[in-house]
Amino acid sequence: MELDTFFEYGKLKAIPTQRKKERIVLEVIAQAFEYGRIYTEREVNIIIADFHDDFCTIRRDMVGEQLLDRDAKGYWRVKP
């Protein structure tokens, strides 16, 4: 599968409807986060907004796909 199908100039064209394809897109976005660093919700939103304007949906889906985790302190990238 060609990632160019989903991204144009580094921006996500649209959130894929198929879960498998969405997972691939979310994994690409997750690479923008460092392991071992805690991010505030605002920082997470800013990073995701570089890829797509609907950062709320993508943030929620990244947590749901266990690419990011969160608690009262913030968000962090989950190690595979």
Protein backbone atom coordinates (compact mmCIF):
# COMPACT_ATOMS: atom_id res chain seq x y z
CA MET A 1 0.00 0.00 0.00
CA GLU A 2 1.33 3.40 -1.00
CA LEU A 3 1.39 6.00 1.80
CA ASP A 4 1.09 8.74 -0.84
CA THR A 5 -2.52 7.59 -1.18
CA PHE A 6 -3.21 9.10 2.25
CA PHE A 7 -0.70 11.93 2.54
CA GLU A 8 -0.03 14.94 0.35
CA TYR A 9 2.85 17.29 1.25
CA GLY A 10 3.03 15.64 4.67
CA LYS A 11 -0.65 16.33 5.42
CA LEU A 12 -3.24 13.60 5.80
CA LYS A 13 -5.83 14.01 3.02
CA ALA A 14 -8.60 12.24 4.95
CA ILE A 15 -8.86 9.78 7.82
CA PRO A 16 -9.27 6.34 6.23
CA THR A 17 -12.55 4.59 6.99
CA GLN A 18 -11.07 1.08 6.93
CA ARG A 19 -9.55 0.29 10.31
CA LYS A 20 -6.48 -1.45 8.88
CA LYS A 21 -5.64 1.57 6.72
CA GLU A 22 -6.35 3.97 9.57
CA ARG A 23 -3.94 2.01 11.77
CA ILE A 24 -1.15 2.45 9.19
CA VAL A 25 -1.83 6.20 9.04
CA LEU A 26 -1.86 6.46 12.84
CA GLU A 27 1.47 4.61 13.03
CA VAL A 28 2.99 7.19 10.68
CA ILE A 29 1.70 10.03 12.87
CA ALA A 30 2.94 8.26 16.02
CA GLN A 31 6.50 8.50 14.67
CA ALA A 32 6.33 12.24 15.41
CA PHE A 33 6.29 11.43 19.15
CA GLU A 34 9.41 10.52 21.13
CA TYR A 35 9.51 7.49 23.41
CA GLY A 36 9.97 8.30 27.09
CA ARG A 37 8.58 11.84 26.87
CA ILE A 38 5.36 13.04 28.48
CA TYR A 39 3.31 15.43 26.34
CA THR A 40 0.57 17.78 27.43
CA GLU A 41 -2.73 17.50 25.59
CA ARG A 42 -1.94 20.82 23.90
CA GLU A 43 1.44 19.51 22.65
CA VAL A 44 -0.24 16.37 21.31
CA ASN A 45 -2.86 18.47 19.51
CA ILE A 46 -0.20 20.71 17.93
CA ILE A 47 1.81 17.72 16.67
CA ILE A 48 -1.25 15.98 15.24
CA ALA A 49 -2.53 19.25 13.72
CA ASP A 50 0.60 19.24 11.54
CA PHE A 51 -0.91 16.14 9.88
CA HIS A 52 -4.66 16.83 10.00
CA ASP A 53 -7.07 19.42 11.38
CA ASP A 54 -9.22 16.88 13.24
CA PHE A 55 -6.66 16.33 15.98
CA CYS A 56 -9.33 15.33 18.53
CA THR A 57 -10.43 12.28 16.53
CA ILE A 58 -6.87 11.26 15.69
CA ARG A 59 -5.71 11.68 19.31
CA ARG A 60 -8.63 9.55 20.54
CA ASP A 61 -7.97 6.90 17.89
CA MET A 62 -4.23 6.81 18.70
CA VAL A 63 -5.09 6.13 22.35
CA GLY A 64 -7.67 3.54 21.26
CA GLU A 65 -5.08 1.81 19.04
CA GLN A 66 -2.61 1.88 21.95
CA LEU A 67 -0.09 4.01 20.06
CA LEU A 68 -0.40 6.68 22.75
CA ASP A 69 -1.39 6.27 26.37
CA ARG A 70 -2.43 8.86 28.92
CA ASP A 71 -3.03 9.60 32.56
CA ALA A 72 -3.37 12.73 34.70
CA LYS A 73 0.25 13.74 33.89
CA GLY A 74 -0.18 13.67 30.11
CA TYR A 75 0.30 11.53 27.02
CA TRP A 76 3.20 9.34 25.93
CA ARG A 77 4.08 7.06 23.04
CA VAL A 78 3.60 3.38 23.80
CA LYS A 79 6.51 1.08 22.96
CA PRO A 80 5.56 -1.75 20.58
